[in-house]
C-alpha atoms as a PDB file:
ATOM      1  CA  UNK A   1      14.466 -23.952  28.645  1.00  0.00           C
ATOM      2  CA  UNK A   2      14.609 -25.064  32.532  1.00  0.00           C
ATOM      3  CA  UNK A   3      12.147 -26.202  34.708  1.00  0.00           C
ATOM      4  CA  UNK A   4      12.670 -23.643  36.859  1.00  0.00           C
ATOM      5  CA  UNK A   5      11.478 -20.834  34.035  1.00  0.00           C
ATOM      6  CA  UNK A   6       8.004 -19.697  35.047  1.00  0.00           C
ATOM      7  CA  UNK A   7       5.673 -19.753  31.965  1.00  0.00           C
ATOM      8  CA  UNK A   8       5.323 -16.237  32.436  1.00  0.00           C
ATOM      9  CA  UNK A   9       9.420 -15.969  31.539  1.00  0.00           C
ATOM     10  CA  UNK A  10       9.222 -17.653  28.730  1.00  0.00           C
ATOM     11  CA  UNK A  11       9.874 -15.343  25.127  1.00  0.00           C
ATOM     12  CA  UNK A  12       7.763 -15.644  22.057  1.00  0.00           C
ATOM     13  CA  UNK A  13      10.162 -17.683  20.392  1.00  0.00           C
ATOM     14  CA  UNK A  14      10.014 -20.329  23.168  1.00  0.00           C
ATOM     15  CA  UNK A  15       6.344 -19.935  23.495  1.00  0.00           C
ATOM     16  CA  UNK A  16       5.904 -20.715  19.218  1.00  0.00           C
ATOM     17  CA  UNK A  17       8.476 -23.021  19.673  1.00  0.00           C
ATOM     18  CA  UNK A  18       6.695 -25.111  22.471  1.00  0.00           C
ATOM     19  CA  UNK A  19       3.564 -24.842  20.456  1.00  0.00           C
ATOM     20  CA  UNK A  20       5.476 -26.509  17.014  1.00  0.00           C
ATOM     21  CA  UNK A  21       6.609 -29.320  19.108  1.00  0.00           C
ATOM     22  CA  UNK A  22       3.759 -30.012  20.924  1.00  0.00           C
ATOM     23  CA  UNK A  23       1.192 -29.603  17.244  1.00  0.00           C
ATOM     24  CA  UNK A  24       1.960 -33.282  16.098  1.00  0.00           C
ATOM     25  CA  UNK A  25       2.081 -34.363  19.616  1.00  0.00           C
ATOM     26  CA  UNK A  26      -1.307 -36.453  21.839  1.00  0.00           C
ATOM     27  CA  UNK A  27      -2.705 -35.036  24.825  1.00  0.00           C
ATOM     28  CA  UNK A  28      -1.112 -37.274  26.688  1.00  0.00           C
ATOM     29  CA  UNK A  29       2.490 -36.806  25.205  1.00  0.00           C
ATOM     30  CA  UNK A  30       2.088 -32.892  25.379  1.00  0.00           C
ATOM     31  CA  UNK A  31       1.596 -33.163  28.924  1.00  0.00           C
ATOM     32  CA  UNK A  32       4.346 -35.053  29.340  1.00  0.00           C
ATOM     33  CA  UNK A  33       6.185 -32.699  27.671  1.00  0.00           C
ATOM     34  CA  UNK A  34       4.850 -29.731  29.576  1.00  0.00           C
ATOM     35  CA  UNK A  35       5.914 -31.571  33.110  1.00  0.00           C
ATOM     36  CA  UNK A  36       9.491 -31.764  31.643  1.00  0.00           C
ATOM     37  CA  UNK A  37       9.616 -27.936  30.527  1.00  0.00           C
ATOM     38  CA  UNK A  38       7.940 -27.097  33.506  1.00  0.00           C
ATOM     39  CA  UNK A  39       4.296 -25.659  32.219  1.00  0.00           C
ATOM     40  CA  UNK A  40       0.909 -26.662  31.763  1.00  0.00           C
ATOM     41  CA  UNK A  41      -1.376 -27.535  28.458  1.00  0.00           C
ATOM     42  CA  UNK A  42      -3.008 -24.769  29.183  1.00  0.00           C
ATOM     43  CA  UNK A  43      -0.520 -22.625  28.904  1.00  0.00           C
ATOM     44  CA  UNK A  44       0.202 -23.561  25.571  1.00  0.00           C
ATOM     45  CA  UNK A  45      -3.809 -23.919  24.548  1.00  0.00           C
ATOM     46  CA  UNK A  46      -3.337 -19.865  25.537  1.00  0.00           C
ATOM     47  CA  UNK A  47      -0.159 -19.274  24.173  1.00  0.00           C
ATOM     48  CA  UNK A  48      -1.845 -20.482  20.737  1.00  0.00           C
ATOM     49  CA  UNK A  49      -4.796 -18.710  20.918  1.00  0.00           C
ATOM     50  CA  UNK A  50      -3.199 -15.336  21.698  1.00  0.00           C
ATOM     51  CA  UNK A  51      -0.375 -15.893  18.549  1.00  0.00           C
ATOM     52  CA  UNK A  52      -3.784 -16.786  16.541  1.00  0.00           C
ATOM     53  CA  UNK A  53      -5.795 -13.936  17.830  1.00  0.00           C
ATOM     54  CA  UNK A  54      -2.737 -11.530  17.018  1.00  0.00           C
ATOM     55  CA  UNK A  55      -2.184 -13.222  13.539  1.00  0.00           C
ATOM     56  CA  UNK A  56      -5.765 -11.829  12.624  1.00  0.00           C
ATOM     57  CA  UNK A  57      -5.657  -8.620  14.287  1.00  0.00           C
ATOM     58  CA  UNK A  58      -2.124  -8.215  12.039  1.00  0.00           C
ATOM     59  CA  UNK A  59      -3.626  -9.726   8.621  1.00  0.00           C
ATOM     60  CA  UNK A  60      -6.826  -7.089   9.398  1.00  0.00           C
ATOM     61  CA  UNK A  61      -4.578  -4.630   9.843  1.00  0.00           C
ATOM     62  CA  UNK A  62      -2.526  -5.658   6.467  1.00  0.00           C
ATOM     63  CA  UNK A  63      -5.513  -5.469   4.279  1.00  0.00           C
ATOM     64  CA  UNK A  64      -6.274  -2.134   5.866  1.00  0.00           C
ATOM     65  CA  UNK A  65      -3.331  -0.555   4.194  1.00  0.00           C
ATOM     66  CA  UNK A  66      -2.996  -2.703   0.811  1.00  0.00           C
ATOM     67  CA  UNK A  67      -6.900  -1.100   0.351  1.00  0.00           C
ATOM     68  CA  UNK A  68      -5.423   1.760   1.296  1.00  0.00           C
ATOM     69  CA  UNK A  69      -2.379   1.253  -0.700  1.00  0.00           C
ATOM     70  CA  UNK A  70      -4.808   0.142  -3.543  1.00  0.00           C
ATOM     71  CA  UNK A  71      -7.114   3.586  -3.096  1.00  0.00           C
ATOM     72  CA  UNK A  72      -3.708   5.355  -3.551  1.00  0.00           C
ATOM     73  CA  UNK A  73      -2.301   4.039  -6.528  1.00  0.00           C
ATOM     74  CA  UNK A  74      -5.215   4.121  -8.687  1.00  0.00           C
ATOM     75  CA  UNK A  75      -5.697   8.014  -7.511  1.00  0.00           C
ATOM     76  CA  UNK A  76      -1.820   8.403  -8.376  1.00  0.00           C
ATOM     77  CA  UNK A  77      -2.777   6.899 -12.040  1.00  0.00           C
ATOM     78  CA  UNK A  78      -5.535   9.009 -12.613  1.00  0.00           C
ATOM     79  CA  UNK A  79      -3.241  12.069 -11.964  1.00  0.00           C
ATOM     80  CA  UNK A  80      -1.006  10.351 -14.414  1.00  0.00           C
ATOM     81  CA  UNK A  81      -3.380  10.161 -16.819  1.00  0.00           C
ATOM     82  CA  UNK A  82      -4.686  13.709 -16.558  1.00  0.00           C
ATOM     83  CA  UNK A  83      -0.771  15.225 -16.811  1.00  0.00           C
ATOM     84  CA  UNK A  84      -0.065  12.911 -19.580  1.00  0.00           C
ATOM     85  CA  UNK A  85      -3.143  14.576 -21.686  1.00  0.00           C
ATOM     86  CA  UNK A  86      -2.548  17.443 -20.671  1.00  0.00           C
ATOM     87  CA  UNK A  87       1.029  17.521 -21.519  1.00  0.00           C
ATOM     88  CA  UNK A  88       0.363  15.857 -25.135  1.00  0.00           C
ATOM     89  CA  UNK A  89      -2.620  18.237 -26.100  1.00  0.00           C
ATOM     90  CA  UNK A  90       0.379  21.254 -25.372  1.00  0.00           C
ATOM     91  CA  UNK A  91       2.845  19.369 -27.276  1.00  0.00           C
ATOM     92  CA  UNK A  92       0.259  19.106 -29.897  1.00  0.00           C
ATOM     93  CA  UNK A  93      -0.536  23.378 -29.693  1.00  0.00           C
ATOM     94  CA  UNK A  94       3.051  23.933 -29.658  1.00  0.00           C
ATOM     95  CA  UNK A  95       3.345  22.016 -32.899  1.00  0.00           C
ATOM     96  CA  UNK A  96       0.199  23.884 -34.504  1.00  0.00           C
ATOM     97  CA  UNK A  97       1.575  27.373 -33.521  1.00  0.00           C
ATOM     98  CA  UNK A  98       5.113  26.520 -34.913  1.00  0.00           C
ATOM     99  CA  UNK A  99       2.982  25.074 -38.781  1.00  0.00           C
ATOM    100  CA  UNK A 100       1.070  28.783 -38.486  1.00  0.00           C
ATOM    101  CA  UNK A 101       4.396  30.428 -37.840  1.00  0.00           C
ATOM    102  CA  UNK A 102       6.131  28.425 -40.632  1.00  0.00           C
ATOM    103  CA  UNK A 103       3.283  29.089 -43.039  1.00  0.00           C
ATOM    104  CA  UNK A 104       2.047  32.805 -42.157  1.00  0.00           C
ATOM    105  CA  UNK A 105       5.493  33.760 -40.745  1.00  0.00           C
ATOM    106  CA  UNK A 106       6.177  35.936 -37.372  1.00  0.00           C
ATOM    107  CA  UNK A 107       2.910  35.690 -35.007  1.00  0.00           C
ATOM    108  CA  UNK A 108       1.568  39.118 -34.615  1.00  0.00           C
ATOM    109  CA  UNK A 109       0.331  40.074 -31.439  1.00  0.00           C
ATOM    110  CA  UNK A 110      -3.877  40.161 -31.119  1.00  0.00           C
ATOM    111  CA  UNK A 111      -4.359  43.686 -30.216  1.00  0.00           C
ATOM    112  CA  UNK A 112      -2.896  44.975 -33.523  1.00  0.00           C
ATOM    113  CA  UNK A 113      -4.875  41.716 -35.384  1.00  0.00           C
ATOM    114  CA  UNK A 114      -8.527  43.463 -33.718  1.00  0.00           C
ATOM    115  CA  UNK A 115      -6.846  46.924 -34.807  1.00  0.00           C
ATOM    116  CA  UNK A 116      -6.768  45.764 -38.136  1.00  0.00           C
ATOM    117  CA  UNK A 117      -9.450  47.819 -40.919  1.00  0.00           C
ATOM    118  CA  UNK A 118     -10.245  44.514 -42.286  1.00  0.00           C
ATOM    119  CA  UNK A 119     -11.251  42.919 -39.332  1.00  0.00           C
ATOM    120  CA  UNK A 120     -13.119  46.299 -38.264  1.00  0.00           C
ATOM    121  CA  UNK A 121     -16.933  46.153 -38.160  1.00  0.00           C
ATOM    122  CA  UNK A 122     -18.844  48.676 -39.247  1.00  0.00           C
ATOM    123  CA  UNK A 123     -22.428  49.955 -37.196  1.00  0.00           C
END
């Protein structure tokens, strides 16, 4: 990074590297580093504050997305359980109908059963 470069020309990676480099330095050492780079200490403090605020806003976005995904996951699990229950009920009914066919023979339509003289009531 050259001395002619203005603070506005620094990209995000360069700013982050400067913040990390000066993190463990005293104020005097950090000021000396800033003079060598052609920036002021307040630029580092501003950049650090920007990174922290972006980090917090990004964190809240991630938390919202995570909450939304958890809700979607819960909804999908409920739907899956409902469909599994319906499938097992259908399978049980199919097995019962096959057993009934095996016991009583071929299925008769329900209309024929109702017309049967044994099932008709007399008034």
